[in-house]
Amino acid sequence: MSIAIHGRAEGADRRNAEFRKSIVLGSTQSGWGGGEVYLMALAKGLRDRGADVHFVARSNGSLHDNAVDEGFPVRTLDWKGRNPFQLWGLRRWLCRESFSIVHCNDSHCLTGLGVAAKGIGGLSVIGIRHTMFPIRSVFKYSRVADRVICVSHAVADACRQRGVMADKLSVIHAAISRPNVSSDYVAGLRCELLPDASHKLIVAVGNLLECKGHEALIRSAHRLKQDGLKVRTVIAGEGDQREHLESLIRELGLNDDVRLLGFRNDAESLIAAADVVAHPSYNEGLCLTVAAAMMLRRPIVSTAVGGLRDVLGIDPRMQSDGPYACVFEAGDESSLSNALHNQLADPTNAESLDDACQFAINRFTTARMVDATIGLYSELRQPKVRAA
């Protein structure tokens, strides 16, 4: 069987007009990351289309606080696992409120909220896979979830290879709102980050994790310096690799050439300020940072691992004219350095940047994601026809 691919199709407006369902969106994560950004964007889109949206979230988590601030009703979930009293309380609540969809945003949520919802008449359970990391419990995604949303074709392929049946999987790309940045603010960032107008700016945005490949980027910055290029590299994000990366920057004598900016609320403006956006990741479920760079018409140097093949229009199932970036092999510092050097010296032409922008807008904006998700919800709510 083939994996279902959901996008904005004919009839989406009609489905939206008819969509008046009660949805539960659940997460057990305490922090605020890409998964939580996705869930909040989905919640707002569903509410705008007439759905009654509730959250189940950890009482001490960022999602809980943001959901309350946005005016969503929130039921607190105080632990990740299999507390039978909590599960029973969730099940009674789900039965009483007559929800139609339970959408579990992480594996632990599927264990808790998903299990509590399983078997309730008229209630469908959705799981989602955001990453390429191997599924630990195939049973949860095969038996607890009625359908599993995969944020890219690569994630769907990884699920299928682990034993989840293809007819359980639906590809719905995660998405962002089209970036809207101030040109004055972007110009100010360049003045703040660059020592003078003769320098070029390389920007990377991503958590400081080993799989993001920032060590290779820093070593490439060292090569560019040795080649005599006037370049400053900035990396926005936090993570457990900070100490190691800071040590590497000192070791290579790059204190004036590479800056770790930490977590930033202005990541899209940083991207817009870049002469080149670098994304040297070893592992990606999708990567909306690169999609944002495409929408902002910035030259990109990137690997093509995992779901990046969808974002860059390389996977043939995207039916596009990619790649929409200068692609290099993950971990190949020499190729990364050469690609950055070439982009700084001779940037991608305006026509190619326009093509990349249009592709990203057509495939990775929030409205399309919400429409596709409503389409999946509606499909699951259709009566099942028994074979003769």
Protein backbone atom coordinates (compact mmCIF):
# COMPACT_ATOMS: atom_id res chain seq x y z
CA MET A 1 0.00 0.00 0.00
CA SER A 2 1.12 3.55 -0.63
CA ILE A 3 1.55 6.24 1.98
CA ALA A 4 -1.19 8.88 1.87
CA ILE A 5 -0.06 12.40 0.95
CA HIS A 6 -2.31 15.20 2.11
CA GLY A 7 -2.23 18.73 0.70
CA ARG A 8 -4.69 21.46 -0.14
CA ALA A 9 -7.02 19.85 -2.63
CA GLU A 10 -10.24 20.78 -4.39
CA GLY A 11 -13.02 20.86 -1.83
CA ALA A 12 -10.79 22.21 0.97
CA ASP A 13 -12.92 25.34 1.34
CA ARG A 14 -16.07 23.25 1.49
CA ARG A 15 -14.55 20.97 4.15
CA ASN A 16 -13.46 24.00 6.17
CA ALA A 17 -16.97 25.48 6.03
CA GLU A 18 -18.44 22.18 7.26
CA PHE A 19 -15.79 21.54 9.91
CA ARG A 20 -17.29 22.01 13.35
CA LYS A 21 -15.53 19.36 15.43
CA SER A 22 -14.16 19.23 18.97
CA ILE A 23 -10.43 18.51 18.91
CA VAL A 24 -7.97 17.69 21.69
CA LEU A 25 -4.33 18.57 21.03
CA GLY A 26 -1.93 16.94 23.48
CA SER A 27 1.75 17.26 24.38
CA THR A 28 3.83 16.09 27.34
CA GLN A 29 6.81 18.33 26.58
CA SER A 30 7.77 21.01 29.08
CA GLY A 31 9.93 23.12 26.75
CA TRP A 32 9.09 25.18 23.68
CA GLY A 33 10.45 23.77 20.44
CA GLY A 34 9.47 23.07 16.87
CA GLY A 35 6.82 20.54 17.89
CA GLU A 36 5.11 23.04 20.16
CA VAL A 37 5.27 25.78 17.52
CA TYR A 38 3.59 23.33 15.12
CA LEU A 39 0.85 22.45 17.61
CA MET A 40 0.03 26.06 18.44
CA ALA A 41 -0.11 27.02 14.76
CA LEU A 42 -2.42 24.08 14.11
CA ALA A 43 -4.64 25.05 17.07
CA LYS A 44 -5.06 28.61 15.83
CA GLY A 45 -5.79 27.44 12.29
CA LEU A 46 -8.39 24.93 13.47
CA ARG A 47 -10.05 27.54 15.68
CA ASP A 48 -10.17 30.01 12.78
CA ARG A 49 -11.98 27.34 10.74
CA GLY A 50 -14.63 26.75 13.39
CA ALA A 51 -13.25 23.89 15.46
CA ASP A 52 -13.58 23.75 19.25
CA VAL A 53 -9.95 23.18 20.31
CA HIS A 54 -8.79 22.00 23.74
CA PHE A 55 -5.25 21.34 24.96
CA VAL A 56 -3.86 18.66 27.24
CA ALA A 57 -0.44 19.82 28.44
CA ARG A 58 1.99 19.64 31.34
CA SER A 59 1.10 22.10 34.09
CA ASN A 60 4.67 23.43 34.28
CA GLY A 61 5.23 23.59 30.53
CA SER A 62 5.57 26.41 28.03
CA LEU A 63 2.77 25.02 25.86
CA HIS A 64 0.35 25.16 28.80
CA ASP A 65 1.19 28.82 29.45
CA ASN A 66 1.03 29.84 25.79
CA ALA A 67 -2.27 28.01 25.25
CA VAL A 68 -3.82 29.80 28.24
CA ASP A 69 -2.52 33.13 26.96
CA GLU A 70 -4.12 32.42 23.57
CA GLY A 71 -7.48 31.71 25.22
CA PHE A 72 -7.62 27.93 24.73
CA PRO A 73 -9.09 25.69 27.44
CA VAL A 74 -6.31 23.52 28.89
CA ARG A 75 -6.44 20.32 30.94
CA THR A 76 -3.22 19.69 32.81
CA LEU A 77 -1.23 16.50 32.46
CA ASP A 78 1.22 16.09 35.31
CA TRP A 79 3.32 13.18 34.18
CA LYS A 80 4.42 11.40 31.03
CA GLY A 81 3.60 7.79 31.74
CA ARG A 82 1.03 5.21 32.62
CA ASN A 83 -0.51 6.45 35.88
CA PRO A 84 -3.79 4.48 35.90
CA PHE A 85 -5.67 7.13 37.90
CA GLN A 86 -4.63 9.84 35.45
CA LEU A 87 -5.54 7.69 32.46
CA TRP A 88 -8.94 6.89 33.96
CA GLY A 89 -9.57 10.57 34.66
CA LEU A 90 -8.61 11.48 31.09
CA ARG A 91 -10.87 8.76 29.68
CA ARG A 92 -13.87 9.92 31.71
CA TRP A 93 -13.26 13.50 30.58
CA LEU A 94 -12.97 12.48 26.92
CA CYS A 95 -16.23 10.52 27.11
CA ARG A 96 -18.06 13.34 28.87
CA GLU A 97 -16.98 16.06 26.45
CA SER A 98 -17.76 14.10 23.26
CA PHE A 99 -14.57 14.97 21.38
CA SER A 100 -14.09 13.63 17.88
CA ILE A 101 -10.28 13.78 17.47
CA VAL A 102 -7.39 13.31 19.88
CA HIS A 103 -4.14 14.56 18.31
CA CYS A 104 -1.01 13.42 20.21
CA ASN A 105 2.09 15.47 19.45
CA ASP A 106 4.72 13.15 20.95
CA SER A 107 5.32 9.53 21.87
CA HIS A 108 4.66 9.93 25.60
CA CYS A 109 1.39 11.69 24.85
CA LEU A 110 0.33 8.74 22.71
CA THR A 111 1.11 6.44 25.67
CA GLY A 112 -1.04 8.54 28.00
CA LEU A 113 -3.75 10.53 26.23
CA GLY A 114 -3.84 8.18 23.24
CA VAL A 115 -4.30 5.07 25.36
CA ALA A 116 -6.97 6.85 27.43
CA ALA A 117 -8.87 7.67 24.22
CA LYS A 118 -8.55 4.29 22.54
CA GLY A 119 -11.82 2.45 22.04
CA ILE A 120 -14.13 5.39 22.83
CA GLY A 121 -16.87 5.34 20.22
CA GLY A 122 -16.67 8.09 17.64
CA LEU A 123 -13.20 9.22 18.77
CA SER A 124 -10.15 8.92 16.48
CA VAL A 125 -6.55 9.02 17.73
CA ILE A 126 -3.84 10.78 15.71
CA GLY A 127 -0.13 10.34 16.36
CA ILE A 128 2.62 12.38 14.75
CA ARG A 129 6.29 11.85 13.95
CA HIS A 130 8.43 14.99 13.72
CA THR A 131 11.88 13.38 13.62
CA MET A 132 13.95 10.71 11.89
CA PHE A 133 14.95 9.07 15.17
CA PRO A 134 13.87 5.40 15.28
CA ILE A 135 10.47 4.58 16.78
CA ARG A 136 10.97 2.73 20.07
CA SER A 137 7.46 1.31 20.27
CA VAL A 138 6.00 0.32 16.93
CA PHE A 139 2.95 -0.99 18.83
CA LYS A 140 1.87 2.51 19.91
CA TYR A 141 1.93 3.87 16.39
CA SER A 142 0.43 0.74 14.85
CA ARG A 143 -2.28 -0.04 17.41
CA VAL A 144 -3.01 3.01 19.54
CA ALA A 145 -3.03 5.57 16.71
CA ASP A 146 -5.69 5.36 14.01
CA ARG A 147 -3.39 7.39 11.76
CA VAL A 148 0.16 8.73 12.03
CA ILE A 149 1.03 12.13 10.52
CA CYS A 150 4.59 12.26 9.19
CA VAL A 151 6.07 15.71 8.61
CA SER A 152 8.03 14.57 5.54
CA HIS A 153 8.34 11.68 3.13
CA ALA A 154 11.61 10.68 4.77
CA VAL A 155 9.92 10.40 8.18
CA ALA A 156 7.16 8.28 6.63
CA ASP A 157 9.76 6.02 5.01
CA ALA A 158 11.52 5.61 8.38
CA CYS A 159 8.22 4.68 10.07
CA ARG A 160 7.43 2.13 7.39
CA GLN A 161 10.91 0.61 7.68
CA ARG A 162 10.35 0.17 11.42
CA GLY A 163 7.17 -1.79 10.75
CA VAL A 164 4.32 0.73 10.77
CA MET A 165 1.97 -0.19 7.94
CA ALA A 166 1.89 2.27 5.04
CA ASP A 167 -1.90 2.67 5.26
CA LYS A 168 -1.45 4.10 8.77
CA LEU A 169 0.82 6.90 7.52
CA SER A 170 -0.10 10.30 6.09
CA VAL A 171 2.45 12.87 4.94
CA ILE A 172 1.45 16.38 6.01
CA HIS A 173 4.34 18.79 5.99
CA ALA A 174 4.82 20.95 9.06
CA ALA A 175 4.64 24.62 8.16
CA ILE A 176 5.20 28.23 9.13
CA SER A 177 3.52 31.53 8.48
CA ARG A 178 5.20 33.46 5.72
CA PRO A 179 7.93 35.55 7.37
CA ASN A 180 7.25 39.25 7.68
CA VAL A 181 10.37 41.18 8.67
CA SER A 182 11.23 44.87 8.94
CA SER A 183 13.89 46.01 6.48
CA ASP A 184 15.05 48.65 8.97
CA TYR A 185 15.41 46.04 11.71
CA VAL A 186 17.31 43.72 9.36
CA ALA A 187 19.67 46.55 8.40
CA GLY A 188 20.22 47.25 12.09
CA LEU A 189 21.10 43.61 12.71
CA ARG A 190 23.75 43.72 10.01
CA CYS A 191 25.26 46.84 11.59
CA GLU A 192 25.20 45.11 15.00
CA LEU A 193 26.71 41.82 13.84
CA LEU A 194 29.28 42.93 11.27
CA PRO A 195 32.40 45.01 12.02
CA ASP A 196 32.08 46.95 8.77
CA ALA A 197 30.31 46.96 5.40
CA SER A 198 33.07 44.96 3.71
CA HIS A 199 32.28 41.80 5.74
CA LYS A 200 29.74 39.16 4.71
CA LEU A 201 27.37 37.41 7.13
CA ILE A 202 26.75 33.66 7.37
CA VAL A 203 23.76 32.74 9.56
CA ALA A 204 22.82 29.35 11.00
CA VAL A 205 19.72 28.79 13.13
CA GLY A 206 19.26 25.61 15.14
CA ASN A 207 19.66 24.01 18.55
CA LEU A 208 23.27 23.45 19.59
CA LEU A 209 23.10 19.68 19.23
CA GLU A 210 25.66 17.36 17.69
CA CYS A 211 23.27 16.33 14.91
CA LYS A 212 23.00 19.96 13.71
CA GLY A 213 26.58 19.91 12.39
CA HIS A 214 27.70 23.25 13.84
CA GLU A 215 31.23 21.96 14.47
CA ALA A 216 31.66 21.48 10.72
CA LEU A 217 30.39 25.03 10.14
CA ILE A 218 32.88 26.49 12.64
CA ARG A 219 35.76 24.59 11.05
CA SER A 220 34.61 25.85 7.66
CA ALA A 221 34.63 29.40 9.00
CA HIS A 222 38.26 28.81 9.95
CA ARG A 223 39.05 27.74 6.38
CA LEU A 224 37.34 30.83 4.99
CA LYS A 225 39.43 33.01 7.29
CA GLN A 226 42.60 31.27 6.14
CA ASP A 227 41.51 31.97 2.55
CA GLY A 228 41.38 35.67 3.38
CA LEU A 229 37.60 36.15 3.22
CA LYS A 230 36.04 38.83 5.41
CA VAL A 231 33.21 36.83 6.93
CA ARG A 232 31.42 36.63 10.26
CA THR A 233 29.44 33.50 11.14
CA VAL A 234 26.64 33.62 13.71
CA ILE A 235 24.72 30.67 15.13
CA ALA A 236 21.38 31.22 16.87
CA GLY A 237 20.23 28.50 19.26
CA GLU A 238 20.95 26.76 22.55
CA GLY A 239 21.85 23.22 23.49
CA ASP A 240 24.25 20.82 25.16
CA GLN A 241 27.01 21.45 22.59
CA ARG A 242 27.54 25.08 23.61
CA GLU A 243 30.59 24.46 25.82
CA HIS A 244 32.23 22.25 23.18
CA LEU A 245 31.58 24.78 20.41
CA GLU A 246 32.86 27.68 22.51
CA SER A 247 36.04 25.71 23.19
CA LEU A 248 36.46 25.00 19.47
CA ILE A 249 36.00 28.68 18.61
CA ARG A 250 38.78 29.61 21.08
CA GLU A 251 41.04 26.79 19.86
CA LEU A 252 40.78 27.96 16.24
CA GLY A 253 41.24 31.63 17.12
CA LEU A 254 37.78 32.61 15.86
CA ASN A 255 36.58 34.76 18.76
CA ASP A 256 36.07 37.70 16.40
CA ASP A 257 34.77 35.59 13.52
CA VAL A 258 32.15 33.21 14.99
CA ARG A 259 29.49 34.14 17.54
CA LEU A 260 27.03 31.91 19.37
CA LEU A 261 23.98 34.12 19.84
CA GLY A 262 21.90 31.82 22.03
CA PHE A 263 18.14 31.58 21.70
CA ARG A 264 16.67 34.41 19.62
CA ASN A 265 13.12 35.62 19.16
CA ASP A 266 14.14 37.32 15.91
CA ALA A 267 15.40 34.25 14.03
CA GLU A 268 13.55 35.14 10.83
CA SER A 269 15.09 38.63 10.83
CA LEU A 270 18.52 37.07 11.36
CA ILE A 271 17.92 34.84 8.35
CA ALA A 272 16.84 37.85 6.30
CA ALA A 273 20.06 39.64 7.29
CA ALA A 274 22.28 36.80 6.01
CA ASP A 275 24.38 36.87 2.88
CA VAL A 276 24.25 33.07 3.09
CA VAL A 277 22.17 30.79 5.31
CA ALA A 278 24.06 27.64 6.31
CA HIS A 279 22.39 24.45 7.47
CA PRO A 280 24.98 21.68 7.98
CA SER A 281 22.68 19.20 9.76
CA TYR A 282 23.26 15.44 9.89
CA ASN A 283 19.64 14.58 10.68
CA GLU A 284 16.36 16.39 9.96
CA GLY A 285 12.74 15.36 10.05
CA LEU A 286 11.89 18.42 7.94
CA CYS A 287 13.53 21.82 8.74
CA LEU A 288 11.43 24.95 8.58
CA THR A 289 14.48 27.15 9.09
CA VAL A 290 15.48 26.36 5.53
CA ALA A 291 11.89 26.87 4.35
CA ALA A 292 11.92 30.32 5.98
CA ALA A 293 15.21 31.15 4.25
CA MET A 294 13.65 30.17 0.93
CA MET A 295 10.61 32.37 1.57
CA LEU A 296 12.97 35.22 2.43
CA ARG A 297 14.89 34.66 -0.83
CA ARG A 298 18.25 34.04 0.82
CA PRO A 299 21.06 31.96 -0.74
CA ILE A 300 21.32 28.63 1.11
CA VAL A 301 24.09 26.10 1.64
CA SER A 302 22.66 22.91 3.12
CA THR A 303 22.88 19.18 3.47
CA ALA A 304 20.07 17.11 1.97
CA VAL A 305 19.46 14.65 4.80
CA GLY A 306 16.06 13.27 5.80
CA GLY A 307 13.18 15.68 5.34
CA LEU A 308 15.45 18.37 3.90
CA ARG A 309 14.99 16.52 0.61
CA ASP A 310 11.33 17.60 0.71
CA VAL A 311 12.11 21.19 1.70
CA LEU A 312 14.73 21.57 -1.03
CA GLY A 313 12.52 19.94 -3.66
CA ILE A 314 14.88 17.00 -4.20
CA ASP A 315 12.62 14.07 -3.29
CA PRO A 316 10.86 13.08 -6.54
CA ARG A 317 7.56 12.80 -4.68
CA MET A 318 7.61 16.59 -4.30
CA GLN A 319 7.35 16.90 -8.11
CA SER A 320 9.52 20.01 -8.22
CA ASP A 321 12.58 21.46 -9.93
CA GLY A 322 14.91 21.38 -6.92
CA PRO A 323 17.38 21.47 -5.36
CA TYR A 324 16.67 25.00 -4.19
CA ALA A 325 20.04 25.33 -2.44
CA CYS A 326 23.70 24.61 -2.86
CA VAL A 327 23.85 21.07 -1.47
CA PHE A 328 26.87 19.40 0.13
CA GLU A 329 27.50 16.03 1.78
CA ALA A 330 26.84 16.00 5.54
CA GLY A 331 30.10 16.10 7.50
CA ASP A 332 32.26 17.06 4.51
CA GLU A 333 33.96 20.21 5.82
CA SER A 334 35.86 20.79 2.60
CA SER A 335 32.68 20.71 0.49
CA LEU A 336 30.92 22.98 2.98
CA SER A 337 33.78 25.48 2.87
CA ASN A 338 33.83 25.45 -0.93
CA ALA A 339 30.05 25.87 -1.13
CA LEU A 340 30.11 28.84 1.26
CA HIS A 341 33.04 30.38 -0.62
CA ASN A 342 31.20 30.05 -3.93
CA GLN A 343 27.94 31.48 -2.60
CA LEU A 344 29.71 34.45 -1.02
CA ALA A 345 31.62 35.16 -4.23
CA ASP A 346 28.78 34.46 -6.68
CA PRO A 347 25.37 34.27 -4.94
CA THR A 348 22.39 32.37 -6.35
CA ASN A 349 20.69 34.45 -9.05
CA ALA A 350 17.43 36.29 -8.43
CA GLU A 351 15.35 34.01 -10.68
CA SER A 352 16.42 30.90 -8.76
CA LEU A 353 15.71 32.62 -5.44
CA ASP A 354 12.24 33.55 -6.72
CA ASP A 355 11.59 29.92 -7.71
CA ALA A 356 12.70 28.69 -4.29
CA CYS A 357 10.50 31.28 -2.56
CA GLN A 358 7.41 30.29 -4.54
CA PHE A 359 7.99 26.59 -3.95
CA ALA A 360 8.29 27.10 -0.18
CA ILE A 361 5.19 29.30 -0.04
CA ASN A 362 3.18 26.74 -2.00
CA ARG A 363 4.26 23.79 0.15
CA PHE A 364 5.19 24.93 3.66
CA THR A 365 2.75 27.61 4.81
CA THR A 366 0.41 27.14 7.75
CA ALA A 367 -2.88 27.43 5.84
CA ARG A 368 -1.95 24.47 3.64
CA MET A 369 -0.97 22.39 6.68
CA VAL A 370 -4.23 23.16 8.49
CA ASP A 371 -6.32 22.37 5.42
CA ALA A 372 -4.51 19.07 4.94
CA THR A 373 -4.99 18.15 8.61
CA ILE A 374 -8.72 18.94 8.43
CA GLY A 375 -8.86 16.73 5.34
CA LEU A 376 -7.35 13.87 7.32
CA TYR A 377 -9.71 14.44 10.26
CA SER A 378 -12.68 14.40 7.89
CA GLU A 379 -11.44 11.22 6.24
CA LEU A 380 -11.21 9.48 9.62
CA ARG A 381 -14.73 10.62 10.50
CA GLN A 382 -16.23 8.99 7.40
CA PRO A 383 -18.21 5.78 8.06
CA LYS A 384 -16.17 2.69 7.27
CA VAL A 385 -17.66 0.55 4.52
CA ARG A 386 -17.40 -3.20 5.14
CA ALA A 387 -16.17 -5.36 2.29
CA ALA A 388 -18.79 -7.67 0.83
